[in-house]
């Protein structure tokens, strides 16, 4: 996580991803959520679902926030599922769901500290965590 000043003079080509709401005045524009991938293996073939990338999920979240007219999106929820075949643990998720709060800065000319979220760092931290619920299931493919 990095701290960065938010100034009106800065060119802001994209929506900023934040880990917490800024302390400066802002207006809430609602919620956005995105989902990529599948939680379950393919029932017909028994093969695990294809993996998804956190960068794509965060890019989709930023586009959804931009469509609502937001300057930033604060990550409020995250869910990931790792589906694998056999006993090998999966390194990349096959399902990612992100929820965020869209905000617009009330006074764009004022400087405030933002706690930016880096998708690559977030993905590494998520992989380093221990899974909360592990469900081992064997299926039959016909």
C-alpha atoms as a PDB file:
ATOM      1  CA  UNK A   1       0.000   0.000   0.000  1.00  0.00           C
ATOM      2  CA  UNK A   2       1.231   3.443  -0.825  1.00  0.00           C
ATOM      3  CA  UNK A   3       0.228   6.921   0.186  1.00  0.00           C
ATOM      4  CA  UNK A   4      -0.349   9.414  -2.588  1.00  0.00           C
ATOM      5  CA  UNK A   5      -1.666  12.965  -2.595  1.00  0.00           C
ATOM      6  CA  UNK A   6      -4.825  13.576  -4.596  1.00  0.00           C
ATOM      7  CA  UNK A   7      -4.656  16.952  -6.307  1.00  0.00           C
ATOM      8  CA  UNK A   8      -6.870  18.445  -8.985  1.00  0.00           C
ATOM      9  CA  UNK A   9      -3.793  19.344 -11.042  1.00  0.00           C
ATOM     10  CA  UNK A  10      -2.841  15.672 -11.360  1.00  0.00           C
ATOM     11  CA  UNK A  11      -4.044  14.015 -14.525  1.00  0.00           C
ATOM     12  CA  UNK A  12      -6.341  11.188 -13.434  1.00  0.00           C
ATOM     13  CA  UNK A  13      -6.738   8.925 -16.468  1.00  0.00           C
ATOM     14  CA  UNK A  14      -8.329   6.188 -14.393  1.00  0.00           C
ATOM     15  CA  UNK A  15     -10.257   5.560 -11.226  1.00  0.00           C
ATOM     16  CA  UNK A  16      -8.072   5.051  -8.159  1.00  0.00           C
ATOM     17  CA  UNK A  17      -8.354   1.828  -6.174  1.00  0.00           C
ATOM     18  CA  UNK A  18      -8.308   2.419  -2.406  1.00  0.00           C
ATOM     19  CA  UNK A  19      -8.118   0.196   0.662  1.00  0.00           C
ATOM     20  CA  UNK A  20      -9.905   2.685   2.929  1.00  0.00           C
ATOM     21  CA  UNK A  21     -12.077   5.769   2.564  1.00  0.00           C
ATOM     22  CA  UNK A  22     -10.114   9.025   2.394  1.00  0.00           C
ATOM     23  CA  UNK A  23     -10.243  11.540   5.229  1.00  0.00           C
ATOM     24  CA  UNK A  24     -10.992  14.447   2.899  1.00  0.00           C
ATOM     25  CA  UNK A  25     -14.557  15.317   1.946  1.00  0.00           C
ATOM     26  CA  UNK A  26     -16.096  12.997  -0.588  1.00  0.00           C
ATOM     27  CA  UNK A  27     -19.501  12.015  -1.901  1.00  0.00           C
ATOM     28  CA  UNK A  28     -20.675   8.411  -1.985  1.00  0.00           C
ATOM     29  CA  UNK A  29     -22.097   7.350  -5.332  1.00  0.00           C
ATOM     30  CA  UNK A  30     -23.166   3.821  -4.477  1.00  0.00           C
ATOM     31  CA  UNK A  31     -21.803   0.307  -4.670  1.00  0.00           C
ATOM     32  CA  UNK A  32     -20.259  -1.683  -7.507  1.00  0.00           C
ATOM     33  CA  UNK A  33     -19.438  -5.363  -7.704  1.00  0.00           C
ATOM     34  CA  UNK A  34     -17.761  -7.576 -10.265  1.00  0.00           C
ATOM     35  CA  UNK A  35     -17.456 -11.321 -10.621  1.00  0.00           C
ATOM     36  CA  UNK A  36     -15.059 -13.313 -12.780  1.00  0.00           C
ATOM     37  CA  UNK A  37     -14.806 -17.065 -13.230  1.00  0.00           C
ATOM     38  CA  UNK A  38     -16.564 -20.114 -11.837  1.00  0.00           C
ATOM     39  CA  UNK A  39     -16.668 -21.670  -8.368  1.00  0.00           C
ATOM     40  CA  UNK A  40     -17.234 -25.250  -9.489  1.00  0.00           C
ATOM     41  CA  UNK A  41     -15.412 -27.567 -11.883  1.00  0.00           C
ATOM     42  CA  UNK A  42     -16.977 -28.432 -15.204  1.00  0.00           C
ATOM     43  CA  UNK A  43     -19.495 -31.168 -14.366  1.00  0.00           C
ATOM     44  CA  UNK A  44     -19.394 -32.632 -17.866  1.00  0.00           C
ATOM     45  CA  UNK A  45     -15.627 -33.079 -18.121  1.00  0.00           C
ATOM     46  CA  UNK A  46     -14.528 -32.965 -14.478  1.00  0.00           C
ATOM     47  CA  UNK A  47     -11.850 -30.412 -15.347  1.00  0.00           C
ATOM     48  CA  UNK A  48     -11.259 -27.477 -13.013  1.00  0.00           C
ATOM     49  CA  UNK A  49     -12.469 -24.041 -14.047  1.00  0.00           C
ATOM     50  CA  UNK A  50      -9.989 -21.736 -15.802  1.00  0.00           C
ATOM     51  CA  UNK A  51      -8.035 -19.400 -13.559  1.00  0.00           C
ATOM     52  CA  UNK A  52      -8.758 -15.679 -13.413  1.00  0.00           C
ATOM     53  CA  UNK A  53      -6.455 -12.719 -12.848  1.00  0.00           C
ATOM     54  CA  UNK A  54      -6.848 -10.131 -10.087  1.00  0.00           C
ATOM     55  CA  UNK A  55      -5.638  -7.371 -12.414  1.00  0.00           C
ATOM     56  CA  UNK A  56      -8.571  -8.036 -14.742  1.00  0.00           C
ATOM     57  CA  UNK A  57     -11.009  -8.094 -11.816  1.00  0.00           C
ATOM     58  CA  UNK A  58      -9.724  -4.776 -10.458  1.00  0.00           C
ATOM     59  CA  UNK A  59      -9.772  -3.224 -13.944  1.00  0.00           C
ATOM     60  CA  UNK A  60     -13.399  -4.303 -14.322  1.00  0.00           C
ATOM     61  CA  UNK A  61     -14.192  -2.832 -10.869  1.00  0.00           C
ATOM     62  CA  UNK A  62     -12.550   0.481 -11.846  1.00  0.00           C
ATOM     63  CA  UNK A  63     -14.536   0.606 -15.116  1.00  0.00           C
ATOM     64  CA  UNK A  64     -17.777   0.010 -13.193  1.00  0.00           C
ATOM     65  CA  UNK A  65     -16.885   2.844 -10.792  1.00  0.00           C
ATOM     66  CA  UNK A  66     -16.010   5.129 -13.688  1.00  0.00           C
ATOM     67  CA  UNK A  67     -19.388   4.385 -15.291  1.00  0.00           C
ATOM     68  CA  UNK A  68     -21.033   5.717 -12.101  1.00  0.00           C
ATOM     69  CA  UNK A  69     -18.968   8.906 -12.332  1.00  0.00           C
ATOM     70  CA  UNK A  70     -16.600   8.104  -9.474  1.00  0.00           C
ATOM     71  CA  UNK A  71     -13.065   9.314  -8.886  1.00  0.00           C
ATOM     72  CA  UNK A  72     -12.143   6.302  -6.754  1.00  0.00           C
ATOM     73  CA  UNK A  73     -13.453   2.972  -5.518  1.00  0.00           C
ATOM     74  CA  UNK A  74     -12.883   1.701  -1.970  1.00  0.00           C
ATOM     75  CA  UNK A  75     -12.612  -2.084  -1.746  1.00  0.00           C
ATOM     76  CA  UNK A  76     -15.275  -3.331   0.691  1.00  0.00           C
ATOM     77  CA  UNK A  77     -15.460  -7.061   0.006  1.00  0.00           C
ATOM     78  CA  UNK A  78     -13.523  -9.872  -1.599  1.00  0.00           C
ATOM     79  CA  UNK A  79     -14.222 -13.544  -2.236  1.00  0.00           C
ATOM     80  CA  UNK A  80     -12.099 -16.041  -4.135  1.00  0.00           C
ATOM     81  CA  UNK A  81     -12.442 -19.733  -4.917  1.00  0.00           C
ATOM     82  CA  UNK A  82      -9.617 -22.056  -5.890  1.00  0.00           C
ATOM     83  CA  UNK A  83     -10.770 -25.112  -7.819  1.00  0.00           C
ATOM     84  CA  UNK A  84      -8.230 -27.793  -8.606  1.00  0.00           C
ATOM     85  CA  UNK A  85      -8.119 -31.355  -9.811  1.00  0.00           C
ATOM     86  CA  UNK A  86      -6.464 -33.894  -7.547  1.00  0.00           C
ATOM     87  CA  UNK A  87      -4.473 -33.010  -4.457  1.00  0.00           C
ATOM     88  CA  UNK A  88      -2.388 -30.182  -5.936  1.00  0.00           C
ATOM     89  CA  UNK A  89      -3.302 -26.791  -4.501  1.00  0.00           C
ATOM     90  CA  UNK A  90      -4.133 -24.116  -7.059  1.00  0.00           C
ATOM     91  CA  UNK A  91      -1.954 -20.989  -7.120  1.00  0.00           C
ATOM     92  CA  UNK A  92      -4.494 -18.830  -8.952  1.00  0.00           C
ATOM     93  CA  UNK A  93      -8.196 -18.469  -8.227  1.00  0.00           C
ATOM     94  CA  UNK A  94     -10.840 -19.745 -10.609  1.00  0.00           C
ATOM     95  CA  UNK A  95     -13.418 -17.333  -9.166  1.00  0.00           C
ATOM     96  CA  UNK A  96     -13.050 -13.765  -7.875  1.00  0.00           C
ATOM     97  CA  UNK A  97     -15.788 -11.474  -6.585  1.00  0.00           C
ATOM     98  CA  UNK A  98     -15.005  -7.872  -5.585  1.00  0.00           C
ATOM     99  CA  UNK A  99     -17.313  -5.297  -4.015  1.00  0.00           C
ATOM    100  CA  UNK A 100     -16.518  -1.627  -3.626  1.00  0.00           C
ATOM    101  CA  UNK A 101     -17.929   1.763  -2.705  1.00  0.00           C
ATOM    102  CA  UNK A 102     -17.711   4.408  -5.421  1.00  0.00           C
ATOM    103  CA  UNK A 103     -16.744   7.895  -4.256  1.00  0.00           C
ATOM    104  CA  UNK A 104     -16.291  11.294  -5.874  1.00  0.00           C
ATOM    105  CA  UNK A 105     -14.148  13.929  -4.214  1.00  0.00           C
ATOM    106  CA  UNK A 106     -16.266  16.879  -3.016  1.00  0.00           C
ATOM    107  CA  UNK A 107     -13.411  19.365  -3.381  1.00  0.00           C
ATOM    108  CA  UNK A 108     -11.065  18.121  -6.122  1.00  0.00           C
ATOM    109  CA  UNK A 109      -8.670  21.030  -5.493  1.00  0.00           C
ATOM    110  CA  UNK A 110      -7.938  19.971  -1.920  1.00  0.00           C
ATOM    111  CA  UNK A 111      -5.062  17.643  -1.183  1.00  0.00           C
ATOM    112  CA  UNK A 112      -5.750  14.520   0.843  1.00  0.00           C
ATOM    113  CA  UNK A 113      -3.927  11.315   1.612  1.00  0.00           C
ATOM    114  CA  UNK A 114      -5.132   8.216  -0.212  1.00  0.00           C
ATOM    115  CA  UNK A 115      -4.201   4.640   0.690  1.00  0.00           C
ATOM    116  CA  UNK A 116      -3.850   3.140  -2.782  1.00  0.00           C
ATOM    117  CA  UNK A 117      -4.412  -0.521  -3.509  1.00  0.00           C
ATOM    118  CA  UNK A 118      -2.022  -2.313  -5.866  1.00  0.00           C
ATOM    119  CA  UNK A 119      -3.697  -5.335  -7.546  1.00  0.00           C
ATOM    120  CA  UNK A 120      -0.438  -7.323  -7.781  1.00  0.00           C
ATOM    121  CA  UNK A 121       0.421  -6.785  -4.118  1.00  0.00           C
ATOM    122  CA  UNK A 122      -3.162  -7.609  -3.138  1.00  0.00           C
ATOM    123  CA  UNK A 123      -3.013 -10.881  -5.122  1.00  0.00           C
ATOM    124  CA  UNK A 124       0.277 -11.863  -3.416  1.00  0.00           C
ATOM    125  CA  UNK A 125      -1.166 -11.118   0.032  1.00  0.00           C
ATOM    126  CA  UNK A 126      -4.304 -13.140  -0.713  1.00  0.00           C
ATOM    127  CA  UNK A 127      -2.239 -16.128  -1.858  1.00  0.00           C
ATOM    128  CA  UNK A 128      -0.145 -15.930   1.316  1.00  0.00           C
ATOM    129  CA  UNK A 129      -3.212 -16.134   3.575  1.00  0.00           C
ATOM    130  CA  UNK A 130      -4.538 -19.405   4.860  1.00  0.00           C
ATOM    131  CA  UNK A 131      -7.852 -20.457   3.340  1.00  0.00           C
ATOM    132  CA  UNK A 132     -10.870 -19.964   5.593  1.00  0.00           C
ATOM    133  CA  UNK A 133     -13.017 -22.783   4.242  1.00  0.00           C
ATOM    134  CA  UNK A 134     -11.532 -25.720   2.412  1.00  0.00           C
ATOM    135  CA  UNK A 135     -13.978 -28.071   0.740  1.00  0.00           C
ATOM    136  CA  UNK A 136     -12.557 -31.227  -0.758  1.00  0.00           C
ATOM    137  CA  UNK A 137     -14.946 -32.869  -3.133  1.00  0.00           C
ATOM    138  CA  UNK A 138     -14.525 -35.594  -5.686  1.00  0.00           C
ATOM    139  CA  UNK A 139     -16.817 -35.655  -8.659  1.00  0.00           C
ATOM    140  CA  UNK A 140     -17.596 -38.239 -11.261  1.00  0.00           C
ATOM    141  CA  UNK A 141     -17.100 -37.399 -14.921  1.00  0.00           C
ATOM    142  CA  UNK A 142     -18.986 -39.359 -17.544  1.00  0.00           C
END
